Amino acid sequence: MNHILIKTITTCNVNQVVFLMAMSVISVSSIAQQNAFPNQPIRIIVAFPAGGGTDYTARLVADHMRQSLNIPVVVENRAGASGMIGSGYVSKAKPDGYTILANSGEVAVNPHLYKTMAYDWDVDLHPITLMVRVPNVLAVNPDIPAKNVAELVLYARDQPSKLTFSSSGIGNPQQLTGELFNKIAGVRINHVPYKGATPQIADVVGKHITMTFVSIGAALPFIESGRLRAIGVTSLTRVSALPKVPPIAETPGFSGFEVVNFFGMMSPGATPPAIVKILNVAIVNALKMQEVTQKLRESGFEPSPTTPEAFREFVRLESAKFGKIIVEANVTPEK
């Protein structure tokens, strides 16, 4: 009987040892897999041309990712089709964390403009973090008598359908800002789309266009030189780059008015959570660096890092907001 008891105890102990050894192997393997990333260059695909706001932000972040991850981080521009070329490319990339996407507010706009798309952002892309929120500035050419938003509304009512506003393209968040402005003010200021900020601003400065909703960084030199007059920003609070310019939301009748663009990072949809977390920490830490924060704010961007889950919810809410404006203003994509 004692012999049987000793044999049973010995068998149990051996089984426990085997189990513990197996768990140890699994644990070490898991840690090794996590520590193995990253061990090769990371590519950031920017869905817009070099020199724009998304590109500028991605390159600032990439510089600090190189240092914190101790591997090369390369920025590559794949522009076109309102950001869909770059986004589509990343959506089909290998989900190993080595190909990630820097995109903007178009990710929330495009599903409401295009009936068929090659990807579903909410499935085929995995949010990593929101990088910055990007308020626009409402600026008029100096010949326009309006010195503030309330005066602009009265001026537009006196000249129905004669005023114009420019944006960086049909379906761009800047156009949607103008359409929301029209609805709230009860005016009809006609939209004129351009391919980028440079021509968009040039025709306002040249006094061919009444006003514009444009990125602060692009407009700042013209505002400072007096060739544009800034009368409002599209965020709920003032922007450090234009501290004297009030939010449009401060104008009576415009309470709660807020339409901002944004830039964020995403990876292919099936990227493992452990890798997403490593990327999130690296990007968030970069955005919290004082020199990065300062450079972004000088350009009119507001650093706004988040968790992956919070970024997904942010895009969903912005998409719902943009979708409503698109339907009500009957915005259709540019042919």
C-alpha atoms as a PDB file:
ATOM      1  CA  MET A   1       0.000   0.000   0.000  1.00  0.00           C
ATOM      2  CA  ASN A   2       2.828   2.346   0.850  1.00  0.00           C
ATOM      3  CA  HIS A   3       4.464   1.395  -2.434  1.00  0.00           C
ATOM      4  CA  ILE A   4       1.306   2.375  -4.352  1.00  0.00           C
ATOM      5  CA  LEU A   5       1.046   5.686  -2.445  1.00  0.00           C
ATOM      6  CA  ILE A   6       4.678   6.599  -3.156  1.00  0.00           C
ATOM      7  CA  LYS A   7       4.229   5.723  -6.838  1.00  0.00           C
ATOM      8  CA  THR A   8       1.107   7.893  -7.079  1.00  0.00           C
ATOM      9  CA  ILE A   9       2.841  10.883  -5.436  1.00  0.00           C
ATOM     10  CA  THR A  10       5.865  10.466  -7.692  1.00  0.00           C
ATOM     11  CA  THR A  11       3.673  10.334 -10.797  1.00  0.00           C
ATOM     12  CA  CYS A  12       1.829  13.499  -9.722  1.00  0.00           C
ATOM     13  CA  ASN A  13       5.086  15.333  -9.091  1.00  0.00           C
ATOM     14  CA  VAL A  14       6.438  14.317 -12.491  1.00  0.00           C
ATOM     15  CA  ASN A  15       3.246  15.539 -14.178  1.00  0.00           C
ATOM     16  CA  GLN A  16       3.465  18.854 -12.330  1.00  0.00           C
ATOM     17  CA  VAL A  17       7.088  19.262 -13.344  1.00  0.00           C
ATOM     18  CA  VAL A  18       6.255  18.530 -16.998  1.00  0.00           C
ATOM     19  CA  PHE A  19       3.331  21.000 -16.847  1.00  0.00           C
ATOM     20  CA  LEU A  20       5.459  23.723 -15.266  1.00  0.00           C
ATOM     21  CA  MET A  21       8.224  23.147 -17.803  1.00  0.00           C
ATOM     22  CA  ALA A  22       5.711  23.405 -20.656  1.00  0.00           C
ATOM     23  CA  MET A  23       4.268  26.653 -19.249  1.00  0.00           C
ATOM     24  CA  SER A  24       7.771  28.001 -18.835  1.00  0.00           C
ATOM     25  CA  VAL A  25       8.536  27.276 -22.484  1.00  0.00           C
ATOM     26  CA  ILE A  26       5.297  28.970 -23.600  1.00  0.00           C
ATOM     27  CA  SER A  27       6.008  32.013 -21.422  1.00  0.00           C
ATOM     28  CA  VAL A  28       9.582  32.359 -22.646  1.00  0.00           C
ATOM     29  CA  SER A  29       8.450  31.861 -26.245  1.00  0.00           C
ATOM     30  CA  SER A  30       5.805  34.561 -25.853  1.00  0.00           C
ATOM     31  CA  ILE A  31       8.310  37.016 -24.380  1.00  0.00           C
ATOM     32  CA  ALA A  32      10.819  36.189 -27.103  1.00  0.00           C
ATOM     33  CA  GLN A  33       8.232  36.875 -29.805  1.00  0.00           C
ATOM     34  CA  GLN A  34       7.384  40.245 -28.272  1.00  0.00           C
ATOM     35  CA  ASN A  35      11.020  41.183 -27.803  1.00  0.00           C
ATOM     36  CA  ALA A  36      11.759  40.188 -31.412  1.00  0.00           C
ATOM     37  CA  PHE A  37       9.708  43.151 -32.639  1.00  0.00           C
ATOM     38  CA  PRO A  38      11.014  45.270 -34.144  1.00  0.00           C
ATOM     39  CA  ASN A  39      14.157  43.790 -35.638  1.00  0.00           C
ATOM     40  CA  GLN A  40      13.975  45.266 -39.157  1.00  0.00           C
ATOM     41  CA  PRO A  41      13.085  48.659 -40.698  1.00  0.00           C
ATOM     42  CA  ILE A  42       9.555  49.995 -40.303  1.00  0.00           C
ATOM     43  CA  ARG A  43       7.878  51.733 -43.243  1.00  0.00           C
ATOM     44  CA  ILE A  44       5.393  54.528 -42.615  1.00  0.00           C
ATOM     45  CA  ILE A  45       3.194  54.892 -45.693  1.00  0.00           C
ATOM     46  CA  VAL A  46       1.876  58.448 -45.945  1.00  0.00           C
ATOM     47  CA  ALA A  47      -1.352  58.533 -47.943  1.00  0.00           C
ATOM     48  CA  PHE A  48      -0.703  62.100 -49.141  1.00  0.00           C
ATOM     49  CA  PRO A  49       2.070  63.976 -50.988  1.00  0.00           C
ATOM     50  CA  ALA A  50       5.383  64.978 -49.451  1.00  0.00           C
ATOM     51  CA  GLY A  51       5.383  68.396 -47.810  1.00  0.00           C
ATOM     52  CA  GLY A  52       1.789  68.296 -46.553  1.00  0.00           C
ATOM     53  CA  GLY A  53       0.639  68.222 -42.948  1.00  0.00           C
ATOM     54  CA  THR A  54       0.274  64.440 -42.722  1.00  0.00           C
ATOM     55  CA  ASP A  55       3.742  63.975 -44.187  1.00  0.00           C
ATOM     56  CA  TYR A  56       5.282  66.583 -41.878  1.00  0.00           C
ATOM     57  CA  THR A  57       3.772  64.979 -38.777  1.00  0.00           C
ATOM     58  CA  ALA A  58       4.773  61.462 -39.827  1.00  0.00           C
ATOM     59  CA  ARG A  59       8.385  62.510 -40.416  1.00  0.00           C
ATOM     60  CA  LEU A  60       8.628  64.236 -37.031  1.00  0.00           C
ATOM     61  CA  VAL A  61       7.333  61.108 -35.331  1.00  0.00           C
ATOM     62  CA  ALA A  62       9.543  58.809 -37.419  1.00  0.00           C
ATOM     63  CA  ASP A  63      12.688  60.640 -36.285  1.00  0.00           C
ATOM     64  CA  HIS A  64      11.951  59.842 -32.649  1.00  0.00           C
ATOM     65  CA  MET A  65      10.732  56.303 -33.346  1.00  0.00           C
ATOM     66  CA  ARG A  66      14.155  55.553 -34.834  1.00  0.00           C
ATOM     67  CA  GLN A  67      15.771  56.547 -31.558  1.00  0.00           C
ATOM     68  CA  SER A  68      13.380  54.757 -29.194  1.00  0.00           C
ATOM     69  CA  LEU A  69      13.112  51.521 -31.192  1.00  0.00           C
ATOM     70  CA  ASN A  70      16.720  51.585 -32.367  1.00  0.00           C
ATOM     71  CA  ILE A  71      15.823  50.575 -35.931  1.00  0.00           C
ATOM     72  CA  PRO A  72      15.409  52.507 -39.223  1.00  0.00           C
ATOM     73  CA  VAL A  73      11.974  54.068 -39.782  1.00  0.00           C
ATOM     74  CA  VAL A  74      11.401  55.037 -43.410  1.00  0.00           C
ATOM     75  CA  VAL A  75       8.645  57.384 -44.628  1.00  0.00           C
ATOM     76  CA  GLU A  76       7.197  56.612 -48.061  1.00  0.00           C
ATOM     77  CA  ASN A  77       4.520  58.655 -49.850  1.00  0.00           C
ATOM     78  CA  ARG A  78       1.775  56.809 -51.735  1.00  0.00           C
ATOM     79  CA  ALA A  79      -0.640  59.613 -52.550  1.00  0.00           C
ATOM     80  CA  GLY A  80      -3.797  59.740 -54.618  1.00  0.00           C
ATOM     81  CA  ALA A  81      -7.529  59.075 -54.673  1.00  0.00           C
ATOM     82  CA  SER A  82      -8.212  61.083 -51.528  1.00  0.00           C
ATOM     83  CA  GLY A  83      -5.834  58.959 -49.476  1.00  0.00           C
ATOM     84  CA  MET A  84      -7.285  55.665 -50.666  1.00  0.00           C
ATOM     85  CA  ILE A  85      -4.188  54.505 -52.560  1.00  0.00           C
ATOM     86  CA  GLY A  86      -1.952  54.611 -49.490  1.00  0.00           C
ATOM     87  CA  SER A  87      -4.643  53.313 -47.150  1.00  0.00           C
ATOM     88  CA  GLY A  88      -5.537  50.492 -49.504  1.00  0.00           C
ATOM     89  CA  TYR A  89      -1.888  49.496 -49.819  1.00  0.00           C
ATOM     90  CA  VAL A  90      -1.430  49.199 -46.058  1.00  0.00           C
ATOM     91  CA  SER A  91      -4.753  47.383 -45.614  1.00  0.00           C
ATOM     92  CA  LYS A  92      -3.320  44.548 -47.725  1.00  0.00           C
ATOM     93  CA  ALA A  93       0.199  44.582 -46.278  1.00  0.00           C
ATOM     94  CA  LYS A  94       1.547  41.788 -44.093  1.00  0.00           C
ATOM     95  CA  PRO A  95       0.195  42.399 -40.543  1.00  0.00           C
ATOM     96  CA  ASP A  96       3.587  42.216 -38.847  1.00  0.00           C
ATOM     97  CA  GLY A  97       3.969  45.852 -37.765  1.00  0.00           C
ATOM     98  CA  TYR A  98       6.632  46.683 -40.339  1.00  0.00           C
ATOM     99  CA  THR A  99       4.260  48.535 -42.689  1.00  0.00           C
ATOM    100  CA  ILE A 100       2.039  51.151 -41.049  1.00  0.00           C
ATOM    101  CA  LEU A 101      -0.080  54.038 -42.303  1.00  0.00           C
ATOM    102  CA  ALA A 102      -0.192  57.772 -41.645  1.00  0.00           C
ATOM    103  CA  ASN A 103      -3.566  59.013 -42.805  1.00  0.00           C
ATOM    104  CA  SER A 104      -5.979  61.852 -42.109  1.00  0.00           C
ATOM    105  CA  GLY A 105      -9.648  62.758 -41.790  1.00  0.00           C
ATOM    106  CA  GLU A 106     -10.380  61.337 -45.233  1.00  0.00           C
ATOM    107  CA  VAL A 107     -10.518  57.891 -43.623  1.00  0.00           C
ATOM    108  CA  ALA A 108     -13.729  59.051 -41.921  1.00  0.00           C
ATOM    109  CA  VAL A 109     -15.072  60.912 -44.969  1.00  0.00           C
ATOM    110  CA  ASN A 110     -14.468  58.542 -47.889  1.00  0.00           C
ATOM    111  CA  PRO A 111     -16.965  55.808 -46.901  1.00  0.00           C
ATOM    112  CA  HIS A 112     -19.746  58.386 -47.281  1.00  0.00           C
ATOM    113  CA  LEU A 113     -18.548  59.583 -50.701  1.00  0.00           C
ATOM    114  CA  TYR A 114     -17.571  56.388 -52.523  1.00  0.00           C
ATOM    115  CA  LYS A 115     -20.019  53.512 -52.990  1.00  0.00           C
ATOM    116  CA  THR A 116     -17.247  50.993 -53.571  1.00  0.00           C
ATOM    117  CA  MET A 117     -13.898  50.980 -51.801  1.00  0.00           C
ATOM    118  CA  ALA A 118     -11.125  48.389 -51.829  1.00  0.00           C
ATOM    119  CA  TYR A 119     -11.059  48.226 -48.042  1.00  0.00           C
ATOM    120  CA  ASP A 120     -13.151  48.815 -44.934  1.00  0.00           C
ATOM    121  CA  TRP A 121     -11.053  50.884 -42.526  1.00  0.00           C
ATOM    122  CA  ASP A 122     -12.868  49.491 -39.486  1.00  0.00           C
ATOM    123  CA  VAL A 123     -11.956  45.918 -40.469  1.00  0.00           C
ATOM    124  CA  ASP A 124      -8.906  46.069 -42.733  1.00  0.00           C
ATOM    125  CA  LEU A 125      -6.982  48.679 -40.732  1.00  0.00           C
ATOM    126  CA  HIS A 126      -6.088  48.625 -37.043  1.00  0.00           C
ATOM    127  CA  PRO A 127      -5.934  52.035 -35.311  1.00  0.00           C
ATOM    128  CA  ILE A 128      -2.672  52.638 -33.448  1.00  0.00           C
ATOM    129  CA  THR A 129      -3.093  56.212 -32.210  1.00  0.00           C
ATOM    130  CA  LEU A 130      -4.507  59.572 -33.101  1.00  0.00           C
ATOM    131  CA  MET A 131      -1.501  61.861 -33.597  1.00  0.00           C
ATOM    132  CA  VAL A 132      -2.893  65.380 -33.954  1.00  0.00           C
ATOM    133  CA  ARG A 133      -6.149  67.254 -34.284  1.00  0.00           C
ATOM    134  CA  VAL A 134      -5.957  69.890 -37.030  1.00  0.00           C
ATOM    135  CA  PRO A 135      -8.217  72.928 -36.727  1.00  0.00           C
ATOM    136  CA  ASN A 136      -8.604  75.078 -39.813  1.00  0.00           C
ATOM    137  CA  VAL A 137      -8.723  78.844 -39.945  1.00  0.00           C
ATOM    138  CA  LEU A 138     -11.459  80.887 -41.601  1.00  0.00           C
ATOM    139  CA  ALA A 139      -9.653  83.671 -43.485  1.00  0.00           C
ATOM    140  CA  VAL A 140     -10.974  86.306 -45.881  1.00  0.00           C
ATOM    141  CA  ASN A 141      -9.261  88.449 -48.474  1.00  0.00           C
ATOM    142  CA  PRO A 142      -8.475  91.956 -47.160  1.00  0.00           C
ATOM    143  CA  ASP A 143     -11.104  93.629 -49.389  1.00  0.00           C
ATOM    144  CA  ILE A 144     -13.920  91.899 -47.534  1.00  0.00           C
ATOM    145  CA  PRO A 145     -15.307  94.322 -44.928  1.00  0.00           C
ATOM    146  CA  ALA A 146     -16.080  91.624 -42.343  1.00  0.00           C
ATOM    147  CA  LYS A 147     -13.773  91.786 -39.312  1.00  0.00           C
ATOM    148  CA  ASN A 148     -15.407  88.845 -37.515  1.00  0.00           C
ATOM    149  CA  VAL A 149     -17.714  85.899 -38.186  1.00  0.00           C
ATOM    150  CA  ALA A 150     -20.914  87.759 -37.267  1.00  0.00           C
ATOM    151  CA  GLU A 151     -20.096  90.515 -39.778  1.00  0.00           C
ATOM    152  CA  LEU A 152     -19.281  87.888 -42.423  1.00  0.00           C
ATOM    153  CA  VAL A 153     -22.691  86.277 -41.977  1.00  0.00           C
ATOM    154  CA  LEU A 154     -24.438  89.656 -42.442  1.00  0.00           C
ATOM    155  CA  TYR A 155     -22.268  90.392 -45.489  1.00  0.00           C
ATOM    156  CA  ALA A 156     -23.181  86.992 -47.021  1.00  0.00           C
ATOM    157  CA  ARG A 157     -26.891  87.586 -46.399  1.00  0.00           C
ATOM    158  CA  ASP A 158     -26.677  90.933 -48.186  1.00  0.00           C
ATOM    159  CA  GLN A 159     -25.087  89.243 -51.210  1.00  0.00           C
ATOM    160  CA  PRO A 160     -26.839  85.879 -51.556  1.00  0.00           C
ATOM    161  CA  SER A 161     -24.928  83.278 -53.604  1.00  0.00           C
ATOM    162  CA  LYS A 162     -22.286  85.819 -54.664  1.00  0.00           C
ATOM    163  CA  LEU A 163     -19.552  84.900 -52.179  1.00  0.00           C
ATOM    164  CA  THR A 164     -17.154  81.977 -52.543  1.00  0.00           C
ATOM    165  CA  PHE A 165     -14.998  79.822 -50.283  1.00  0.00           C
ATOM    166  CA  SER A 166     -12.063  77.628 -51.252  1.00  0.00           C
ATOM    167  CA  SER A 167     -10.935  74.260 -49.936  1.00  0.00           C
ATOM    168  CA  SER A 168      -8.311  71.645 -50.792  1.00  0.00           C
ATOM    169  CA  GLY A 169     -10.831  69.502 -52.672  1.00  0.00           C
ATOM    170  CA  ILE A 170     -14.321  68.049 -52.878  1.00  0.00           C
ATOM    171  CA  GLY A 171     -15.129  65.976 -49.823  1.00  0.00           C
ATOM    172  CA  ASN A 172     -12.203  67.447 -47.905  1.00  0.00           C
ATOM    173  CA  PRO A 173     -13.040  68.261 -44.259  1.00  0.00           C
ATOM    174  CA  GLN A 174     -12.487  71.918 -45.216  1.00  0.00           C
ATOM    175  CA  GLN A 175     -15.385  71.762 -47.671  1.00  0.00           C
ATOM    176  CA  LEU A 176     -17.544  70.066 -45.065  1.00  0.00           C
ATOM    177  CA  THR A 177     -16.681  72.872 -42.643  1.00  0.00           C
ATOM    178  CA  GLY A 178     -17.910  75.422 -45.189  1.00  0.00           C
ATOM    179  CA  GLU A 179     -21.104  73.483 -45.836  1.00  0.00           C
ATOM    180  CA  LEU A 180     -21.858  73.289 -42.115  1.00  0.00           C
ATOM    181  CA  PHE A 181     -21.137  77.021 -41.842  1.00  0.00           C
ATOM    182  CA  ASN A 182     -23.676  77.685 -44.637  1.00  0.00           C
ATOM    183  CA  LYS A 183     -26.331  75.624 -42.911  1.00  0.00           C
ATOM    184  CA  ILE A 184     -25.930  77.201 -39.477  1.00  0.00           C
ATOM    185  CA  ALA A 185     -25.676  80.747 -40.822  1.00  0.00           C
ATOM    186  CA  GLY A 186     -28.525  80.297 -43.300  1.00  0.00           C
ATOM    187  CA  VAL A 187     -26.405  81.594 -46.197  1.00  0.00           C
ATOM    188  CA  ARG A 188     -25.170  80.276 -49.540  1.00  0.00           C
ATOM    189  CA  ILE A 189     -21.415  80.773 -49.952  1.00  0.00           C
ATOM    190  CA  ASN A 190     -20.344  78.786 -53.018  1.00  0.00           C
ATOM    191  CA  HIS A 191     -17.612  76.175 -52.774  1.00  0.00           C
ATOM    192  CA  VAL A 192     -14.592  76.295 -55.103  1.00  0.00           C
ATOM    193  CA  PRO A 193     -12.314  73.232 -54.789  1.00  0.00           C
ATOM    194  CA  TYR A 194      -8.552  73.275 -55.396  1.00  0.00           C
ATOM    195  CA  LYS A 195      -5.871  70.593 -55.468  1.00  0.00           C
ATOM    196  CA  GLY A 196      -3.962  71.592 -52.356  1.00  0.00           C
ATOM    197  CA  ALA A 197      -3.416  74.539 -50.063  1.00  0.00           C
ATOM    198  CA  THR A 198      -1.101  76.573 -52.315  1.00  0.00           C
ATOM    199  CA  PRO A 199      -3.609  77.382 -55.108  1.00  0.00           C
ATOM    200  CA  GLN A 200      -6.433  77.424 -52.564  1.00  0.00           C
ATOM    201  CA  ILE A 201      -4.776  80.319 -50.721  1.00  0.00           C
ATOM    202  CA  ALA A 202      -3.385  82.047 -53.816  1.00  0.00           C
ATOM    203  CA  ASP A 203      -6.822  82.852 -55.231  1.00  0.00           C
ATOM    204  CA  VAL A 204      -8.029  84.283 -51.930  1.00  0.00           C
ATOM    205  CA  VAL A 205      -4.891  86.431 -51.642  1.00  0.00           C
ATOM    206  CA  GLY A 206      -5.423  87.415 -55.288  1.00  0.00           C
ATOM    207  CA  LYS A 207      -8.987  88.450 -54.380  1.00  0.00           C
ATOM    208  CA  HIS A 208     -10.617  86.046 -56.847  1.00  0.00           C
ATOM    209  CA  ILE A 209     -12.189  84.102 -53.961  1.00  0.00           C
ATOM    210  CA  THR A 210     -13.937  85.632 -50.936  1.00  0.00           C
ATOM    211  CA  MET A 211     -12.667  83.379 -48.175  1.00  0.00           C
ATOM    212  CA  THR A 212     -11.183  80.016 -47.294  1.00  0.00           C
ATOM    213  CA  PHE A 213     -11.174  77.298 -44.676  1.00  0.00           C
ATOM    214  CA  VAL A 214      -7.539  76.245 -44.699  1.00  0.00           C
ATOM    215  CA  SER A 215      -4.833  74.671 -42.560  1.00  0.00           C
ATOM    216  CA  ILE A 216      -3.286  77.144 -40.147  1.00  0.00           C
ATOM    217  CA  GLY A 217       0.283  76.199 -41.020  1.00  0.00           C
ATOM    218  CA  ALA A 218      -0.257  76.940 -44.713  1.00  0.00           C
ATOM    219  CA  ALA A 219      -2.089  80.223 -44.069  1.00  0.00           C
ATOM    220  CA  LEU A 220       0.090  81.610 -41.273  1.00  0.00           C
ATOM    221  CA  PRO A 221       2.665  83.493 -43.428  1.00  0.00           C
ATOM    222  CA  PHE A 222      -0.153  85.194 -45.349  1.00  0.00           C
ATOM    223  CA  ILE A 223      -2.008  86.103 -42.156  1.00  0.00           C
ATOM    224  CA  GLU A 224       1.140  87.529 -40.568  1.00  0.00           C
ATOM    225  CA  SER A 225       1.898  89.598 -43.696  1.00  0.00           C
ATOM    226  CA  GLY A 226      -1.656  90.970 -43.860  1.00  0.00           C
ATOM    227  CA  ARG A 227      -2.522  89.317 -47.176  1.00  0.00           C
ATOM    228  CA  LEU A 228      -5.224  87.277 -45.422  1.00  0.00           C
ATOM    229  CA  ARG A 229      -7.425  88.284 -42.498  1.00  0.00           C
ATOM    230  CA  ALA A 230      -8.106  85.475 -40.013  1.00  0.00           C
ATOM    231  CA  ILE A 231     -11.506  85.818 -38.341  1.00  0.00           C
ATOM    232  CA  GLY A 232     -12.117  82.397 -36.765  1.00  0.00           C
ATOM    233  CA  VAL A 233     -10.785  78.913 -36.088  1.00  0.00           C
ATOM    234  CA  THR A 234     -12.818  75.728 -36.412  1.00  0.00           C
ATOM    235  CA  SER A 235     -11.930  74.216 -33.031  1.00  0.00           C
ATOM    236  CA  LEU A 236     -13.841  74.833 -29.803  1.00  0.00           C
ATOM    237  CA  THR A 237     -10.842  76.517 -28.199  1.00  0.00           C
ATOM    238  CA  ARG A 238      -8.206  78.981 -29.366  1.00  0.00           C
ATOM    239  CA  VAL A 239      -5.129  77.704 -31.130  1.00  0.00           C
ATOM    240  CA  SER A 240      -1.644  78.526 -29.819  1.00  0.00           C
ATOM    241  CA  ALA A 241      -0.431  79.481 -33.311  1.00  0.00           C
ATOM    242  CA  LEU A 242      -3.235  82.099 -33.585  1.00  0.00           C
ATOM    243  CA  PRO A 243      -3.982  83.110 -29.984  1.00  0.00           C
ATOM    244  CA  LYS A 244      -5.862  86.296 -30.942  1.00  0.00           C
ATOM    245  CA  VAL A 245      -8.267  84.562 -33.328  1.00  0.00           C
ATOM    246  CA  PRO A 246     -11.469  83.340 -31.617  1.00  0.00           C
ATOM    247  CA  PRO A 247     -13.215  80.033 -32.342  1.00  0.00           C
ATOM    248  CA  ILE A 248     -16.187  80.296 -34.698  1.00  0.00           C
ATOM    249  CA  ALA A 249     -18.109  78.647 -31.849  1.00  0.00           C
ATOM    250  CA  GLU A 250     -17.889  81.888 -29.834  1.00  0.00           C
ATOM    251  CA  THR A 251     -20.131  83.651 -32.383  1.00  0.00           C
ATOM    252  CA  PRO A 252     -23.817  83.798 -31.353  1.00  0.00           C
ATOM    253  CA  GLY A 253     -25.706  81.053 -33.157  1.00  0.00           C
ATOM    254  CA  PHE A 254     -22.586  78.918 -33.680  1.00  0.00           C
ATOM    255  CA  SER A 255     -22.351  77.374 -30.217  1.00  0.00           C
ATOM    256  CA  GLY A 256     -20.679  73.968 -30.425  1.00  0.00           C
ATOM    257  CA  PHE A 257     -19.384  74.557 -33.960  1.00  0.00           C
ATOM    258  CA  GLU A 258     -16.374  72.286 -34.404  1.00  0.00           C
ATOM    259  CA  VAL A 259     -14.980  70.597 -37.491  1.00  0.00           C
ATOM    260  CA  VAL A 260     -11.346  69.560 -37.383  1.00  0.00           C
ATOM    261  CA  ASN A 261      -9.166  67.420 -39.582  1.00  0.00           C
ATOM    262  CA  PHE A 262      -6.882  64.864 -37.938  1.00  0.00           C
ATOM    263  CA  PHE A 263      -3.821  62.753 -38.628  1.00  0.00           C
ATOM    264  CA  GLY A 264      -3.366  59.290 -37.189  1.00  0.00           C
ATOM    265  CA  MET A 265      -1.427  56.037 -37.480  1.00  0.00           C
ATOM    266  CA  MET A 266      -2.903  52.659 -38.415  1.00  0.00           C
ATOM    267  CA  SER A 267      -1.592  49.197 -39.253  1.00  0.00           C
ATOM    268  CA  PRO A 268      -3.057  46.287 -41.247  1.00  0.00           C
ATOM    269  CA  GLY A 269      -6.204  44.955 -39.602  1.00  0.00           C
ATOM    270  CA  ALA A 270      -4.815  41.634 -38.363  1.00  0.00           C
ATOM    271  CA  THR A 271      -1.745  43.085 -36.640  1.00  0.00           C
ATOM    272  CA  PRO A 272      -1.270  41.315 -33.271  1.00  0.00           C
ATOM    273  CA  PRO A 273      -2.261  43.426 -30.235  1.00  0.00           C
ATOM    274  CA  ALA A 274       1.214  43.053 -28.687  1.00  0.00           C
ATOM    275  CA  ILE A 275       2.809  44.653 -31.759  1.00  0.00           C
ATOM    276  CA  VAL A 276       0.165  47.399 -31.905  1.00  0.00           C
ATOM    277  CA  LYS A 277       0.954  48.190 -28.269  1.00  0.00           C
ATOM    278  CA  ILE A 278       4.687  48.531 -28.973  1.00  0.00           C
ATOM    279  CA  LEU A 279       3.971  50.855 -31.900  1.00  0.00           C
ATOM    280  CA  ASN A 280       1.466  52.856 -29.853  1.00  0.00           C
ATOM    281  CA  VAL A 281       3.974  53.437 -27.044  1.00  0.00           C
ATOM    282  CA  ALA A 282       6.713  54.492 -29.489  1.00  0.00           C
ATOM    283  CA  ILE A 283       4.461  56.950 -31.356  1.00  0.00           C
ATOM    284  CA  VAL A 284       2.796  58.364 -28.243  1.00  0.00           C
ATOM    285  CA  ASN A 285       6.191  58.917 -26.595  1.00  0.00           C
ATOM    286  CA  ALA A 286       7.366  60.750 -29.717  1.00  0.00           C
ATOM    287  CA  LEU A 287       4.301  63.009 -29.662  1.00  0.00           C
ATOM    288  CA  LYS A 288       4.960  63.862 -26.006  1.00  0.00           C
ATOM    289  CA  MET A 289       8.514  65.053 -26.691  1.00  0.00           C
ATOM    290  CA  GLN A 290       8.701  68.786 -25.987  1.00  0.00           C
ATOM    291  CA  GLU A 291      10.426  69.665 -29.266  1.00  0.00           C
ATOM    292  CA  VAL A 292       7.874  67.647 -31.256  1.00  0.00           C
ATOM    293  CA  THR A 293       4.940  69.212 -29.405  1.00  0.00           C
ATOM    294  CA  GLN A 294       6.338  72.691 -29.998  1.00  0.00           C
ATOM    295  CA  LYS A 295       6.896  72.164 -33.725  1.00  0.00           C
ATOM    296  CA  LEU A 296       3.418  70.713 -34.199  1.00  0.00           C
ATOM    297  CA  ARG A 297       1.715  73.543 -32.315  1.00  0.00           C
ATOM    298  CA  GLU A 298       3.669  76.131 -34.291  1.00  0.00           C
ATOM    299  CA  SER A 299       2.093  74.576 -37.392  1.00  0.00           C
ATOM    300  CA  GLY A 300      -1.390  74.834 -35.926  1.00  0.00           C
ATOM    301  CA  PHE A 301      -1.642  71.140 -34.995  1.00  0.00           C
ATOM    302  CA  GLU A 302      -2.688  69.970 -31.542  1.00  0.00           C
ATOM    303  CA  PRO A 303      -0.916  66.780 -30.367  1.00  0.00           C
ATOM    304  CA  SER A 304      -3.637  64.366 -29.202  1.00  0.00           C
ATOM    305  CA  PRO A 305      -2.222  60.856 -28.671  1.00  0.00           C
ATOM    306  CA  THR A 306      -4.667  58.116 -27.667  1.00  0.00           C
ATOM    307  CA  THR A 307      -4.986  54.401 -27.094  1.00  0.00           C
ATOM    308  CA  PRO A 308      -5.861  52.281 -30.160  1.00  0.00           C
ATOM    309  CA  GLU A 309      -9.382  51.766 -28.800  1.00  0.00           C
ATOM    310  CA  ALA A 310      -9.951  55.486 -28.239  1.00  0.00           C
ATOM    311  CA  PHE A 311      -8.710  56.292 -31.744  1.00  0.00           C
ATOM    312  CA  ARG A 312     -11.135  53.782 -33.278  1.00  0.00           C
ATOM    313  CA  GLU A 313     -14.045  55.351 -31.391  1.00  0.00           C
ATOM    314  CA  PHE A 314     -12.871  58.855 -32.382  1.00  0.00           C
ATOM    315  CA  VAL A 315     -12.861  57.940 -36.095  1.00  0.00           C
ATOM    316  CA  ARG A 316     -16.311  56.369 -35.808  1.00  0.00           C
ATOM    317  CA  LEU A 317     -17.752  59.526 -34.210  1.00  0.00           C
ATOM    318  CA  GLU A 318     -16.067  61.839 -36.729  1.00  0.00           C
ATOM    319  CA  SER A 319     -17.316  59.652 -39.575  1.00  0.00           C
ATOM    320  CA  ALA A 320     -20.887  59.968 -38.311  1.00  0.00           C
ATOM    321  CA  LYS A 321     -20.496  63.765 -38.112  1.00  0.00           C
ATOM    322  CA  PHE A 322     -19.003  64.038 -41.614  1.00  0.00           C
ATOM    323  CA  GLY A 323     -21.592  61.657 -43.042  1.00  0.00           C
ATOM    324  CA  LYS A 324     -24.456  63.818 -41.825  1.00  0.00           C
ATOM    325  CA  ILE A 325     -22.949  66.955 -43.396  1.00  0.00           C
ATOM    326  CA  ILE A 326     -22.339  65.125 -46.693  1.00  0.00           C
ATOM    327  CA  VAL A 327     -25.953  63.979 -46.914  1.00  0.00           C
ATOM    328  CA  GLU A 328     -27.452  67.327 -45.927  1.00  0.00           C
ATOM    329  CA  ALA A 329     -25.218  69.310 -48.318  1.00  0.00           C
ATOM    330  CA  ASN A 330     -25.526  66.713 -51.093  1.00  0.00           C
ATOM    331  CA  VAL A 331     -21.745  66.510 -51.484  1.00  0.00           C
ATOM    332  CA  THR A 332     -20.656  64.152 -54.271  1.00  0.00           C
ATOM    333  CA  PRO A 333     -17.110  63.048 -55.174  1.00  0.00           C
ATOM    334  CA  GLU A 334     -15.143  64.898 -57.815  1.00  0.00           C
ATOM    335  CA  LYS A 335     -15.323  63.237 -61.211  1.00  0.00           C
END
